[in-house]
Amino acid sequence: SAALAAARKARCPVIVAKLCRLSRDVH
C-alpha cells in the first residue's frame, strides 16, 4: 500500500522482480 501511495505521488511505476511477488491470484 505504501509503494502504491509513493508511486501515485511521484507519478511513476512500481517495479517488482517477479509477478508472484505481487500475487499468483488473478483477482
PDB file of all heavy atoms in Angstrom:
ATOM      1  N   SER A   1       0.838  -1.208   0.000  1.00  0.00           N
ATOM      2  CA  SER A   1       0.000   0.000   0.000  1.00  0.00           C
ATOM      3  C   SER A   1       0.870   1.254   0.000  1.00  0.00           C
ATOM      4  O   SER A   1       0.573   2.234  -0.699  1.00  0.00           O
ATOM      5  CB  SER A   1      -0.921   0.000   1.226  1.00  0.00           C
ATOM      6  OG  SER A   1      -1.826  -1.087   1.186  1.00  0.00           O
ATOM      7  N   ALA A   2       1.970   1.209   0.772  1.00  0.00           N
ATOM      8  CA  ALA A   2       2.877   2.358   0.825  1.00  0.00           C
ATOM      9  C   ALA A   2       3.564   2.573  -0.521  1.00  0.00           C
ATOM     10  O   ALA A   2       3.770   3.714  -0.957  1.00  0.00           O
ATOM     11  CB  ALA A   2       3.926   2.145   1.916  1.00  0.00           C
ATOM     12  N   ALA A   3       3.927   1.469  -1.190  1.00  0.00           N
ATOM     13  CA  ALA A   3       4.559   1.570  -2.510  1.00  0.00           C
ATOM     14  C   ALA A   3       3.595   2.190  -3.518  1.00  0.00           C
ATOM     15  O   ALA A   3       3.981   3.029  -4.342  1.00  0.00           O
ATOM     16  CB  ALA A   3       5.008   0.192  -2.976  1.00  0.00           C
ATOM     17  N   LEU A   4       2.325   1.776  -3.457  1.00  0.00           N
ATOM     18  CA  LEU A   4       1.310   2.339  -4.349  1.00  0.00           C
ATOM     19  C   LEU A   4       1.154   3.844  -4.110  1.00  0.00           C
ATOM     20  O   LEU A   4       1.077   4.631  -5.056  1.00  0.00           O
ATOM     21  CB  LEU A   4      -0.024   1.630  -4.134  1.00  0.00           C
ATOM     22  CG  LEU A   4      -0.125   0.182  -4.611  1.00  0.00           C
ATOM     23  CD1 LEU A   4      -1.413  -0.458  -4.083  1.00  0.00           C
ATOM     24  CD2 LEU A   4      -0.089   0.116  -6.126  1.00  0.00           C
ATOM     25  N   ALA A   5       1.110   4.232  -2.833  1.00  0.00           N
ATOM     26  CA  ALA A   5       0.943   5.651  -2.493  1.00  0.00           C
ATOM     27  C   ALA A   5       2.144   6.472  -2.981  1.00  0.00           C
ATOM     28  O   ALA A   5       1.983   7.568  -3.530  1.00  0.00           O
ATOM     29  CB  ALA A   5       0.769   5.814  -0.984  1.00  0.00           C
ATOM     30  N   ALA A   6       3.348   5.920  -2.800  1.00  0.00           N
ATOM     31  CA  ALA A   6       4.559   6.628  -3.235  1.00  0.00           C
ATOM     32  C   ALA A   6       4.589   6.769  -4.752  1.00  0.00           C
ATOM     33  O   ALA A   6       5.000   7.805  -5.290  1.00  0.00           O
ATOM     34  CB  ALA A   6       5.802   5.879  -2.742  1.00  0.00           C
ATOM     35  N   ALA A   7       4.145   5.719  -5.452  1.00  0.00           N
ATOM     36  CA  ALA A   7       4.138   5.757  -6.916  1.00  0.00           C
ATOM     37  C   ALA A   7       3.121   6.768  -7.437  1.00  0.00           C
ATOM     38  O   ALA A   7       3.373   7.477  -8.423  1.00  0.00           O
ATOM     39  CB  ALA A   7       3.838   4.368  -7.473  1.00  0.00           C
ATOM     40  N   ARG A   8       1.967   6.836  -6.780  1.00  0.00           N
ATOM     41  CA  ARG A   8       0.963   7.822  -7.189  1.00  0.00           C
ATOM     42  C   ARG A   8       1.508   9.244  -7.016  1.00  0.00           C
ATOM     43  O   ARG A   8       1.342  10.105  -7.886  1.00  0.00           O
ATOM     44  CB  ARG A   8      -0.308   7.672  -6.353  1.00  0.00           C
ATOM     45  CG  ARG A   8      -1.155   6.476  -6.691  1.00  0.00           C
ATOM     46  CD  ARG A   8      -2.542   6.591  -6.064  1.00  0.00           C
ATOM     47  NE  ARG A   8      -3.152   5.274  -5.926  1.00  0.00           N
ATOM     48  CZ  ARG A   8      -3.091   4.534  -4.833  1.00  0.00           C
ATOM     49  NH1 ARG A   8      -2.456   5.001  -3.765  1.00  0.00           N
ATOM     50  NH2 ARG A   8      -3.664   3.356  -4.786  1.00  0.00           N
ATOM     51  N   LYS A   9       2.151   9.478  -5.884  1.00  0.00           N
ATOM     52  CA  LYS A   9       2.683  10.806  -5.592  1.00  0.00           C
ATOM     53  C   LYS A   9       3.771  11.191  -6.589  1.00  0.00           C
ATOM     54  O   LYS A   9       3.827  12.342  -7.047  1.00  0.00           O
ATOM     55  CB  LYS A   9       3.236  10.843  -4.165  1.00  0.00           C
ATOM     56  CG  LYS A   9       3.733  12.213  -3.735  1.00  0.00           C
ATOM     57  CD  LYS A   9       4.181  12.204  -2.285  1.00  0.00           C
ATOM     58  CE  LYS A   9       4.659  13.579  -1.848  1.00  0.00           C
ATOM     59  NZ  LYS A   9       5.083  13.592  -0.422  1.00  0.00           N
ATOM     60  N   ALA A  10       4.633  10.233  -6.936  1.00  0.00           N
ATOM     61  CA  ALA A  10       5.737  10.514  -7.858  1.00  0.00           C
ATOM     62  C   ALA A  10       5.340  10.325  -9.317  1.00  0.00           C
ATOM     63  O   ALA A  10       6.139  10.604 -10.214  1.00  0.00           O
ATOM     64  CB  ALA A  10       6.921   9.600  -7.524  1.00  0.00           C
ATOM     65  N   ARG A  11       4.113   9.798  -9.531  1.00  0.00           N
ATOM     66  CA  ARG A  11       3.637   9.526 -10.887  1.00  0.00           C
ATOM     67  C   ARG A  11       4.623   8.650 -11.656  1.00  0.00           C
ATOM     68  O   ARG A  11       5.077   8.981 -12.744  1.00  0.00           O
ATOM     69  CB  ARG A  11       3.382  10.836 -11.640  1.00  0.00           C
ATOM     70  CG  ARG A  11       2.276  11.687 -11.026  1.00  0.00           C
ATOM     71  CD  ARG A  11       1.980  12.908 -11.856  1.00  0.00           C
ATOM     72  NE  ARG A  11       0.893  13.689 -11.277  1.00  0.00           N
ATOM     73  CZ  ARG A  11       0.417  14.819 -11.798  1.00  0.00           C
ATOM     74  NH1 ARG A  11       0.949  15.301 -12.914  1.00  0.00           N
ATOM     75  NH2 ARG A  11      -0.589  15.447 -11.207  1.00  0.00           N
ATOM     76  N   CYS A  12       4.932   7.536 -11.038  1.00  0.00           N
ATOM     77  CA  CYS A  12       5.897   6.614 -11.629  1.00  0.00           C
ATOM     78  C   CYS A  12       5.457   5.174 -11.373  1.00  0.00           C
ATOM     79  O   CYS A  12       4.537   4.933 -10.580  1.00  0.00           O
ATOM     80  CB  CYS A  12       7.295   6.860 -11.048  1.00  0.00           C
ATOM     81  SG  CYS A  12       7.457   6.418  -9.299  1.00  0.00           S
ATOM     82  N   PRO A  13       6.078   4.201 -12.006  1.00  0.00           N
ATOM     83  CA  PRO A  13       5.669   2.808 -11.828  1.00  0.00           C
ATOM     84  C   PRO A  13       6.260   2.165 -10.577  1.00  0.00           C
ATOM     85  O   PRO A  13       7.204   2.691  -9.974  1.00  0.00           O
ATOM     86  CB  PRO A  13       6.217   2.127 -13.091  1.00  0.00           C
ATOM     87  CG  PRO A  13       7.441   2.926 -13.421  1.00  0.00           C
ATOM     88  CD  PRO A  13       7.086   4.343 -13.071  1.00  0.00           C
ATOM     89  N   VAL A  14       5.672   1.036 -10.208  1.00  0.00           N
ATOM     90  CA  VAL A  14       6.218   0.169  -9.169  1.00  0.00           C
ATOM     91  C   VAL A  14       6.897  -1.002  -9.879  1.00  0.00           C
ATOM     92  O   VAL A  14       6.302  -1.627 -10.762  1.00  0.00           O
ATOM     93  CB  VAL A  14       5.117  -0.358  -8.228  1.00  0.00           C
ATOM     94  CG1 VAL A  14       5.692  -1.394  -7.257  1.00  0.00           C
ATOM     95  CG2 VAL A  14       4.491   0.788  -7.449  1.00  0.00           C
ATOM     96  N   ILE A  15       8.128  -1.293  -9.507  1.00  0.00           N
ATOM     97  CA  ILE A  15       8.877  -2.381 -10.136  1.00  0.00           C
ATOM     98  C   ILE A  15       9.019  -3.532  -9.156  1.00  0.00           C
ATOM     99  O   ILE A  15       9.407  -3.337  -7.996  1.00  0.00           O
ATOM    100  CB  ILE A  15      10.272  -1.921 -10.597  1.00  0.00           C
ATOM    101  CG1 ILE A  15      10.153  -0.779 -11.610  1.00  0.00           C
ATOM    102  CG2 ILE A  15      11.050  -3.082 -11.211  1.00  0.00           C
ATOM    103  CD1 ILE A  15      11.492  -0.255 -12.100  1.00  0.00           C
ATOM    104  N   VAL A  16       8.705  -4.747  -9.607  1.00  0.00           N
ATOM    105  CA  VAL A  16       8.915  -5.963  -8.819  1.00  0.00           C
ATOM    106  C   VAL A  16       9.798  -6.903  -9.633  1.00  0.00           C
ATOM    107  O   VAL A  16       9.860  -6.812 -10.865  1.00  0.00           O
ATOM    108  CB  VAL A  16       7.582  -6.667  -8.471  1.00  0.00           C
ATOM    109  CG1 VAL A  16       6.734  -5.788  -7.582  1.00  0.00           C
ATOM    110  CG2 VAL A  16       6.817  -7.044  -9.736  1.00  0.00           C
ATOM    111  N   ALA A  17      10.480  -7.805  -8.932  1.00  0.00           N
ATOM    112  CA  ALA A  17      11.368  -8.733  -9.630  1.00  0.00           C
ATOM    113  C   ALA A  17      10.581  -9.772 -10.414  1.00  0.00           C
ATOM    114  O   ALA A  17      10.894 -10.066 -11.571  1.00  0.00           O
ATOM    115  CB  ALA A  17      12.302  -9.417  -8.625  1.00  0.00           C
ATOM    116  N   LYS A  18       9.569 -10.355  -9.770  1.00  0.00           N
ATOM    117  CA  LYS A  18       8.756 -11.398 -10.388  1.00  0.00           C
ATOM    118  C   LYS A  18       7.285 -11.111 -10.120  1.00  0.00           C
ATOM    119  O   LYS A  18       6.940 -10.520  -9.091  1.00  0.00           O
ATOM    120  CB  LYS A  18       9.120 -12.778  -9.818  1.00  0.00           C
ATOM    121  CG  LYS A  18      10.543 -13.253 -10.138  1.00  0.00           C
ATOM    122  CD  LYS A  18      10.863 -14.537  -9.383  1.00  0.00           C
ATOM    123  CE  LYS A  18      12.251 -15.067  -9.701  1.00  0.00           C
ATOM    124  NZ  LYS A  18      12.295 -15.724 -11.005  1.00  0.00           N
ATOM    125  N   LEU A  19       6.416 -11.554 -11.007  1.00  0.00           N
ATOM    126  CA  LEU A  19       4.991 -11.295 -10.849  1.00  0.00           C
ATOM    127  C   LEU A  19       4.444 -11.910  -9.568  1.00  0.00           C
ATOM    128  O   LEU A  19       3.588 -11.329  -8.900  1.00  0.00           O
ATOM    129  CB  LEU A  19       4.218 -11.844 -12.055  1.00  0.00           C
ATOM    130  CG  LEU A  19       2.709 -11.557 -12.059  1.00  0.00           C
ATOM    131  CD1 LEU A  19       2.439 -10.063 -12.067  1.00  0.00           C
ATOM    132  CD2 LEU A  19       2.049 -12.228 -13.259  1.00  0.00           C
ATOM    133  N   CYS A  20       4.957 -13.084  -9.189  1.00  0.00           N
ATOM    134  CA  CYS A  20       4.456 -13.751  -7.983  1.00  0.00           C
ATOM    135  C   CYS A  20       4.785 -12.974  -6.714  1.00  0.00           C
ATOM    136  O   CYS A  20       4.247 -13.278  -5.648  1.00  0.00           O
ATOM    137  CB  CYS A  20       4.992 -15.173  -7.900  1.00  0.00           C
ATOM    138  SG  CYS A  20       6.785 -15.289  -7.816  1.00  0.00           S
ATOM    139  N   ARG A  21       5.693 -11.988  -6.786  1.00  0.00           N
ATOM    140  CA  ARG A  21       5.955 -11.156  -5.614  1.00  0.00           C
ATOM    141  C   ARG A  21       4.779 -10.219  -5.350  1.00  0.00           C
ATOM    142  O   ARG A  21       4.626  -9.705  -4.245  1.00  0.00           O
ATOM    143  CB  ARG A  21       7.241 -10.360  -5.779  1.00  0.00           C
ATOM    144  CG  ARG A  21       8.507 -11.205  -5.902  1.00  0.00           C
ATOM    145  CD  ARG A  21       8.676 -12.207  -4.781  1.00  0.00           C
ATOM    146  NE  ARG A  21       7.891 -13.406  -4.953  1.00  0.00           N
ATOM    147  CZ  ARG A  21       7.439 -14.160  -3.981  1.00  0.00           C
ATOM    148  NH1 ARG A  21       7.631 -13.822  -2.720  1.00  0.00           N
ATOM    149  NH2 ARG A  21       6.754 -15.256  -4.223  1.00  0.00           N
ATOM    150  N   LEU A  22       3.953  -9.998  -6.378  1.00  0.00           N
ATOM    151  CA  LEU A  22       2.687  -9.303  -6.168  1.00  0.00           C
ATOM    152  C   LEU A  22       1.655 -10.321  -5.727  1.00  0.00           C
ATOM    153  O   LEU A  22       1.107 -10.243  -4.645  1.00  0.00           O
ATOM    154  CB  LEU A  22       2.243  -8.618  -7.460  1.00  0.00           C
ATOM    155  CG  LEU A  22       3.076  -7.427  -7.906  1.00  0.00           C
ATOM    156  CD1 LEU A  22       2.592  -6.919  -9.256  1.00  0.00           C
ATOM    157  CD2 LEU A  22       3.031  -6.305  -6.879  1.00  0.00           C
ATOM    158  N   SER A  23       1.407 -11.320  -6.582  1.00  0.00           N
ATOM    159  CA  SER A  23       0.472 -12.389  -6.250  1.00  0.00           C
ATOM    160  C   SER A  23       0.406 -13.368  -7.412  1.00  0.00           C
ATOM    161  O   SER A  23       0.789 -13.046  -8.537  1.00  0.00           O
ATOM    162  CB  SER A  23      -0.923 -11.801  -5.985  1.00  0.00           C
ATOM    163  OG  SER A  23      -1.855 -12.829  -5.693  1.00  0.00           O
ATOM    164  N   ARG A  24      -0.096 -14.584  -7.109  1.00  0.00           N
ATOM    165  CA  ARG A  24      -0.408 -15.545  -8.162  1.00  0.00           C
ATOM    166  C   ARG A  24      -1.924 -15.580  -8.411  1.00  0.00           C
ATOM    167  O   ARG A  24      -2.400 -16.421  -9.155  1.00  0.00           O
ATOM    168  CB  ARG A  24       0.083 -16.947  -7.768  1.00  0.00           C
ATOM    169  CG  ARG A  24       1.601 -17.111  -7.776  1.00  0.00           C
ATOM    170  CD  ARG A  24       1.966 -18.562  -7.534  1.00  0.00           C
ATOM    171  NE  ARG A  24       3.384 -18.797  -7.640  1.00  0.00           N
ATOM    172  CZ  ARG A  24       4.244 -18.733  -6.639  1.00  0.00           C
ATOM    173  NH1 ARG A  24       3.781 -18.410  -5.436  1.00  0.00           N
ATOM    174  NH2 ARG A  24       5.531 -18.964  -6.804  1.00  0.00           N
ATOM    175  N   ASP A  25      -2.630 -14.688  -7.770  1.00  0.00           N
ATOM    176  CA  ASP A  25      -4.089 -14.657  -7.847  1.00  0.00           C
ATOM    177  C   ASP A  25      -4.528 -13.617  -8.877  1.00  0.00           C
ATOM    178  O   ASP A  25      -4.210 -12.433  -8.757  1.00  0.00           O
ATOM    179  CB  ASP A  25      -4.665 -14.312  -6.468  1.00  0.00           C
ATOM    180  CG  ASP A  25      -6.177 -14.359  -6.442  1.00  0.00           C
ATOM    181  OD1 ASP A  25      -6.794 -13.354  -6.830  1.00  0.00           O
ATOM    182  OD2 ASP A  25      -6.733 -15.401  -6.048  1.00  0.00           O
ATOM    183  N   VAL A  26      -5.277 -14.075  -9.884  1.00  0.00           N
ATOM    184  CA  VAL A  26      -5.707 -13.179 -10.953  1.00  0.00           C
ATOM    185  C   VAL A  26      -6.583 -12.047 -10.410  1.00  0.00           C
ATOM    186  O   VAL A  26      -6.441 -10.884 -10.813  1.00  0.00           O
ATOM    187  CB  VAL A  26      -6.486 -13.956 -12.041  1.00  0.00           C
ATOM    188  CG1 VAL A  26      -6.999 -12.994 -13.106  1.00  0.00           C
ATOM    189  CG2 VAL A  26      -5.598 -15.009 -12.675  1.00  0.00           C
ATOM    190  N   HIS A  27      -7.494 -12.373  -9.491  1.00  0.00           N
ATOM    191  CA  HIS A  27      -8.392 -11.360  -8.927  1.00  0.00           C
ATOM    192  C   HIS A  27      -7.585 -10.277  -8.218  1.00  0.00           C
ATOM    193  O   HIS A  27      -7.885  -9.079  -8.341  1.00  0.00           O
ATOM    194  CB  HIS A  27      -9.375 -12.018  -7.963  1.00  0.00           C
ATOM    195  CG  HIS A  27     -10.325 -11.051  -7.313  1.00  0.00           C
ATOM    196  ND1 HIS A  27     -11.345 -10.423  -8.000  1.00  0.00           N
ATOM    197  CD2 HIS A  27     -10.387 -10.584  -6.037  1.00  0.00           C
ATOM    198  CE1 HIS A  27     -12.003  -9.616  -7.177  1.00  0.00           C
ATOM    199  NE2 HIS A  27     -11.442  -9.696  -5.991  1.00  0.00           N
TER     200      HIS A  27
END
